[in-house]
Protein backbone atom coordinates (compact mmCIF):
# COMPACT_ATOMS: atom_id res chain seq x y z
CA MET A 1 -236.37 3.81 134.09
CA SER A 2 -236.15 5.59 136.99
CA LEU A 3 -238.54 8.29 138.31
CA GLN A 4 -236.34 11.02 137.57
CA ASN A 5 -235.76 9.67 133.63
CA SER A 6 -239.55 9.22 133.89
CA TYR A 7 -240.52 12.97 134.11
CA ASN A 8 -237.79 13.65 131.78
CA ALA A 9 -239.07 11.73 129.26
CA GLY A 10 -242.86 12.65 130.17
CA ALA A 11 -242.36 16.47 130.59
CA SER A 12 -243.64 17.38 126.50
CA GLY A 13 -246.92 15.71 127.52
CA TYR A 14 -247.05 15.95 131.57
CA ASP A 15 -249.62 19.21 131.19
CA ARG A 16 -252.34 17.27 128.32
CA VAL A 17 -252.31 14.43 130.91
CA PHE A 18 -252.29 15.58 134.40
CA GLY A 19 -251.95 19.47 134.06
CA PRO A 20 -255.64 20.27 134.05
CA VAL A 21 -256.79 18.12 136.64
CA SER A 22 -253.68 19.78 138.57
CA ARG A 23 -254.51 23.06 138.36
CA GLU A 24 -257.66 22.13 139.81
CA PHE A 25 -256.31 21.44 143.01
CA VAL A 26 -253.59 24.06 143.95
CA PRO A 27 -255.74 26.96 145.28
CA ARG A 28 -256.28 24.42 148.42
CA LEU A 29 -252.59 24.37 148.14
CA VAL A 30 -251.53 27.72 147.88
CA THR A 31 -254.37 28.73 150.68
CA ALA A 32 -252.61 25.99 153.49
CA ALA A 33 -249.89 27.62 152.46
CA ARG A 34 -251.16 31.28 153.62
CA LEU A 35 -249.60 32.85 150.81
CA ALA A 36 -250.32 36.82 150.72
CA ARG A 37 -249.13 39.37 148.27
CA GLY A 38 -245.37 40.43 148.92
CA MET A 39 -244.04 36.84 149.39
CA ARG A 40 -241.48 35.44 148.64
CA VAL A 41 -242.43 32.04 147.37
CA LEU A 42 -240.55 28.60 146.92
CA ASP A 43 -242.28 26.31 145.08
CA VAL A 44 -240.32 22.88 145.02
CA ALA A 45 -240.56 20.15 142.26
CA THR A 46 -242.59 22.89 140.34
CA GLY A 47 -242.81 20.26 137.08
CA THR A 48 -244.17 22.82 134.52
CA GLY A 49 -245.02 25.37 136.52
CA ILE A 50 -248.44 25.14 137.08
CA ALA A 51 -248.47 25.81 140.77
CA ALA A 52 -245.95 28.67 140.27
CA GLU A 53 -247.69 30.50 138.03
CA ILE A 54 -250.93 30.15 140.62
CA ALA A 55 -248.36 31.28 143.35
CA ALA A 56 -246.90 34.21 141.37
CA GLU A 57 -250.58 35.73 140.46
CA VAL A 58 -251.12 35.58 144.71
CA VAL A 59 -248.14 37.40 145.72
CA GLY A 60 -248.11 39.85 142.82
CA SER A 61 -245.37 42.27 141.54
CA SER A 62 -243.81 42.96 144.96
CA GLY A 63 -243.56 39.00 145.49
CA HIS A 64 -241.35 36.57 144.09
CA VAL A 65 -241.32 32.62 143.54
CA VAL A 66 -238.54 30.63 142.92
CA ALA A 67 -239.81 27.28 140.83
CA ALA A 68 -237.56 24.63 141.07
CA ASP A 69 -237.41 21.02 139.77
CA ILE A 70 -234.57 18.69 139.72
CA SER A 71 -235.45 17.82 135.80
CA GLY A 72 -234.53 19.84 133.25
CA PRO A 73 -237.14 19.23 130.69
CA MET A 74 -239.67 20.02 133.12
CA LEU A 75 -238.04 23.12 134.33
CA ASP A 76 -237.50 24.15 130.41
CA ARG A 77 -241.70 23.50 130.25
CA ALA A 78 -241.76 25.90 132.90
CA ARG A 79 -239.81 28.46 131.51
CA GLU A 80 -242.25 27.93 128.48
CA ARG A 81 -245.37 28.40 130.50
CA LEU A 82 -244.06 31.29 132.69
CA ARG A 83 -241.91 33.32 130.19
CA LYS A 84 -243.95 36.81 130.31
CA VAL A 85 -244.39 36.39 134.20
CA GLY A 86 -242.04 39.11 135.84
CA ASN A 87 -242.18 37.55 139.35
CA VAL A 88 -240.33 34.30 138.55
CA THR A 89 -237.39 32.93 138.49
CA PHE A 90 -236.07 29.34 138.06
CA ALA A 91 -233.65 27.14 139.92
CA LEU A 92 -232.30 23.92 139.18
CA GLU A 93 -232.75 21.75 142.75
CA ASP A 94 -232.91 18.66 144.00
CA GLY A 95 -236.09 19.11 146.57
CA GLN A 96 -233.91 16.65 148.97
CA ALA A 97 -230.82 19.14 149.16
CA LEU A 98 -231.85 22.42 148.13
CA THR A 99 -228.72 24.76 148.03
CA LEU A 100 -230.75 27.46 148.91
CA PRO A 101 -229.95 29.92 152.04
CA ASP A 102 -231.48 29.31 155.74
CA GLN A 103 -234.69 31.15 156.09
CA SER A 104 -234.51 32.87 152.91
CA PHE A 105 -238.55 31.96 152.05
CA ASP A 106 -241.75 33.25 153.74
CA ALA A 107 -243.62 29.95 152.27
CA VAL A 108 -242.90 26.76 150.65
CA ILE A 109 -245.27 24.65 148.43
CA CYS A 110 -244.94 21.17 146.75
CA ALA A 111 -247.74 20.38 144.58
CA MET A 112 -248.01 16.23 144.03
CA ALA A 113 -244.18 15.38 144.53
CA LEU A 114 -243.22 14.88 147.79
CA MET A 115 -244.55 11.39 147.97
CA LEU A 116 -241.97 10.56 145.18
CA PHE A 117 -238.93 11.79 147.11
CA ALA A 118 -236.24 8.71 147.95
CA ASP A 119 -236.07 10.56 151.36
CA GLN A 120 -239.00 12.57 151.75
CA ALA A 121 -238.25 13.49 155.63
CA ARG A 122 -234.91 14.93 154.48
CA GLY A 123 -237.11 17.00 152.34
CA VAL A 124 -238.96 18.12 154.53
CA ALA A 125 -236.78 18.86 156.73
CA GLU A 126 -235.43 21.26 153.71
CA PHE A 127 -238.82 22.92 153.47
CA TYR A 128 -238.08 23.75 157.16
CA ARG A 129 -234.91 24.89 156.94
CA VAL A 130 -235.55 27.26 154.34
CA LEU A 131 -238.43 28.81 155.73
CA ARG A 132 -238.35 31.89 157.81
CA SER A 133 -240.14 31.98 160.97
CA GLY A 134 -243.77 32.18 161.24
CA GLY A 135 -243.66 30.64 157.50
CA TRP A 136 -246.05 27.58 156.24
CA ALA A 137 -244.66 25.37 154.34
CA ALA A 138 -247.43 23.02 152.40
CA ALA A 139 -247.79 19.82 150.14
CA SER A 140 -250.16 17.43 148.17
CA VAL A 141 -249.85 14.30 148.02
CA ASN A 142 -252.13 11.11 146.22
CA THR A 143 -254.48 9.32 148.93
CA THR A 144 -254.99 5.78 147.65
CA TYR A 145 -254.47 4.56 144.02
CA ASP A 146 -258.78 3.58 143.22
CA ARG A 147 -258.81 7.64 143.96
CA SER A 148 -256.21 8.92 141.56
CA PHE A 149 -256.33 10.62 138.31
CA SER A 150 -253.10 8.88 136.14
CA SER A 151 -250.88 7.01 138.07
CA ARG A 152 -253.34 4.63 138.66
CA VAL A 153 -251.83 3.06 135.64
CA ASN A 154 -248.53 2.89 137.55
CA VAL A 155 -250.14 1.09 139.96
CA ALA A 156 -251.76 -1.72 136.84
CA MET A 157 -248.38 -1.75 135.43
CA GLY A 158 -246.47 -2.42 138.82
CA ARG A 159 -249.04 -5.39 138.96
CA HIS A 160 -247.70 -7.16 135.53
CA VAL A 161 -244.19 -6.01 135.23
CA PRO A 162 -242.29 -7.08 139.21
CA SER A 163 -239.74 -4.21 138.58
CA MET A 164 -241.82 -1.37 138.45
CA ALA A 165 -244.29 -1.93 141.44
CA GLU A 166 -242.04 -0.15 143.62
CA ALA A 167 -242.40 3.05 141.89
CA ALA A 168 -245.94 2.92 141.24
CA GLY A 169 -246.03 2.05 145.41
CA ARG A 170 -244.19 5.85 146.39
CA TYR A 171 -246.83 7.13 144.27
CA TYR A 172 -249.43 6.59 147.52
CA SER A 173 -246.52 6.20 149.75
CA LEU A 174 -247.62 9.20 151.86
CA GLY A 175 -251.21 8.70 151.82
CA ASP A 176 -251.66 8.01 155.76
CA PRO A 177 -252.56 11.15 157.02
CA ASP A 178 -251.00 10.00 160.53
CA HIS A 179 -247.94 8.77 158.91
CA LEU A 180 -248.01 12.48 156.76
CA ARG A 181 -248.88 14.46 160.58
CA ARG A 182 -245.59 12.53 162.31
CA LEU A 183 -243.34 13.23 159.15
CA PHE A 184 -243.92 17.25 159.35
CA GLU A 185 -243.87 17.64 162.97
CA ALA A 186 -240.53 15.57 163.25
CA VAL A 187 -238.62 18.33 161.48
CA GLY A 188 -240.18 20.73 163.90
CA PHE A 189 -243.16 22.37 162.09
CA GLN A 190 -246.13 23.56 164.40
CA ASP A 191 -250.25 23.61 163.88
CA VAL A 192 -249.76 20.75 161.59
CA GLU A 193 -253.15 20.57 159.78
CA ILE A 194 -254.39 17.91 157.21
CA THR A 195 -257.04 18.23 154.77
CA LYS A 196 -258.66 16.58 151.55
CA GLU A 197 -260.46 17.40 148.28
CA THR A 198 -261.87 14.98 146.21
CA ARG A 199 -263.03 15.84 142.84
CA SER A 200 -264.50 13.69 139.81
CA TYR A 201 -264.18 13.69 136.02
CA ARG A 202 -266.04 12.28 133.43
CA PHE A 203 -265.08 10.88 130.30
CA SER A 204 -267.63 10.05 127.50
CA SER A 205 -265.64 6.44 127.46
CA PHE A 206 -262.78 4.85 128.86
CA ASP A 207 -261.33 5.20 125.33
CA VAL A 208 -261.12 8.88 125.71
CA TYR A 209 -259.81 8.72 128.93
CA PHE A 210 -257.07 6.41 127.79
CA GLU A 211 -256.33 7.90 125.19
CA PRO A 212 -253.22 9.88 126.35
CA PHE A 213 -251.39 6.38 127.54
CA ASP A 214 -252.39 4.98 124.48
CA SER A 215 -250.37 8.13 122.59
CA GLY A 216 -247.53 7.36 124.48
CA VAL A 217 -248.02 10.49 126.41
CA GLY A 218 -246.68 12.30 129.33
CA VAL A 219 -244.89 10.27 132.14
CA GLY A 220 -247.13 7.32 132.80
CA GLY A 221 -247.71 7.23 128.96
CA THR A 222 -244.15 7.35 128.48
CA GLU A 223 -243.72 3.66 130.31
CA TYR A 224 -246.97 2.57 129.17
CA ALA A 225 -245.61 2.69 124.95
CA ALA A 226 -242.35 0.83 125.99
CA LEU A 227 -244.29 -2.00 127.41
CA PRO A 228 -244.33 -5.24 125.46
CA GLU A 229 -247.86 -5.59 123.29
CA GLU A 230 -249.57 -8.31 126.06
CA VAL A 231 -248.76 -6.83 128.66
CA ARG A 232 -250.40 -3.10 127.67
CA ARG A 233 -253.31 -4.89 127.16
CA LEU A 234 -253.46 -6.55 130.42
CA VAL A 235 -252.76 -2.90 132.00
CA ARG A 236 -255.16 -1.12 130.16
CA GLU A 237 -257.81 -3.97 130.85
CA ASP A 238 -257.00 -3.89 134.47
CA VAL A 239 -257.77 0.20 134.46
CA ARG A 240 -260.99 -0.26 132.36
CA ARG A 241 -262.16 -2.86 134.87
CA GLU A 242 -261.59 -0.59 137.93
CA LEU A 243 -263.04 2.55 136.46
CA GLY A 244 -266.23 0.14 135.54
CA GLY A 245 -266.10 0.71 132.13
CA ASP A 246 -268.44 -0.55 129.70
CA PRO A 247 -266.18 -2.64 126.93
CA SER A 248 -269.10 -1.62 124.72
CA GLY A 249 -268.47 1.82 125.63
CA GLY A 250 -270.48 4.34 127.80
CA PRO A 251 -269.08 7.14 130.04
CA VAL A 252 -267.14 6.90 132.76
CA GLU A 253 -266.36 8.25 136.43
CA VAL A 254 -262.59 9.06 137.71
CA PRO A 255 -262.49 9.76 141.32
CA VAL A 256 -259.61 12.04 142.27
CA GLU A 257 -258.40 12.71 146.16
CA ILE A 258 -256.01 14.82 147.20
CA MET A 259 -253.83 15.15 150.49
CA PHE A 260 -252.73 18.30 151.67
CA VAL A 261 -250.58 19.16 154.76
CA SER A 262 -249.53 22.37 156.06
CA GLY A 263 -247.36 23.64 159.06
CA ARG A 264 -245.79 26.59 160.37
CA ARG A 265 -242.03 26.91 160.98
């Protein structure tokens, strides 16, 4: 299953699995993009609209947010989330080939998606193209699989299903800060900044953490549910062992580290 198809299939459960965690890291993203009241903002790969919702609050009624995504089902979820928000419009767009005009936005944000682009440099170039002079673009990405909330499960699946390994590796393809900085500087961004934020999420047991995957919910859950039973068992045990979960129960801590990059046109 392609990444886009996975996100199409997992749209309905995305918020249940990753939404609450994703929301906690968005304030750092909008700060990095220097969002302010009255701005016109593009949210690339908006997903279910979590970042767009927060951006809309920051720019206020005098500003506007365009929430764009390549996945129709994800965009439908964003429309549902933001149906009462008056300063947001929606666009079905490929972040690597935007149809939006040059220099038409005061800021561009991209939450937890740039690392999944097939051509990341082209995506960053598109951020630069649609950004006005002096405007800022900011993106958030994973660092390493052992500091991720849910995509660590994708890596475990890739270990046991070689055909899934390449897609799983994309989640961490921008985890090197030097590489990420060069990616932005290469297209012309100036004053490029890299920061990180780390949080930890405690669950009463590993079973509680893993329940959405066992239920086939969300992007990773749909892929996990499609695996043969024996492979599912091996993947589950890999993740449990990495998190230090006791087979007989007991709490687990899930560390999450997100890296933020921003640059000025």
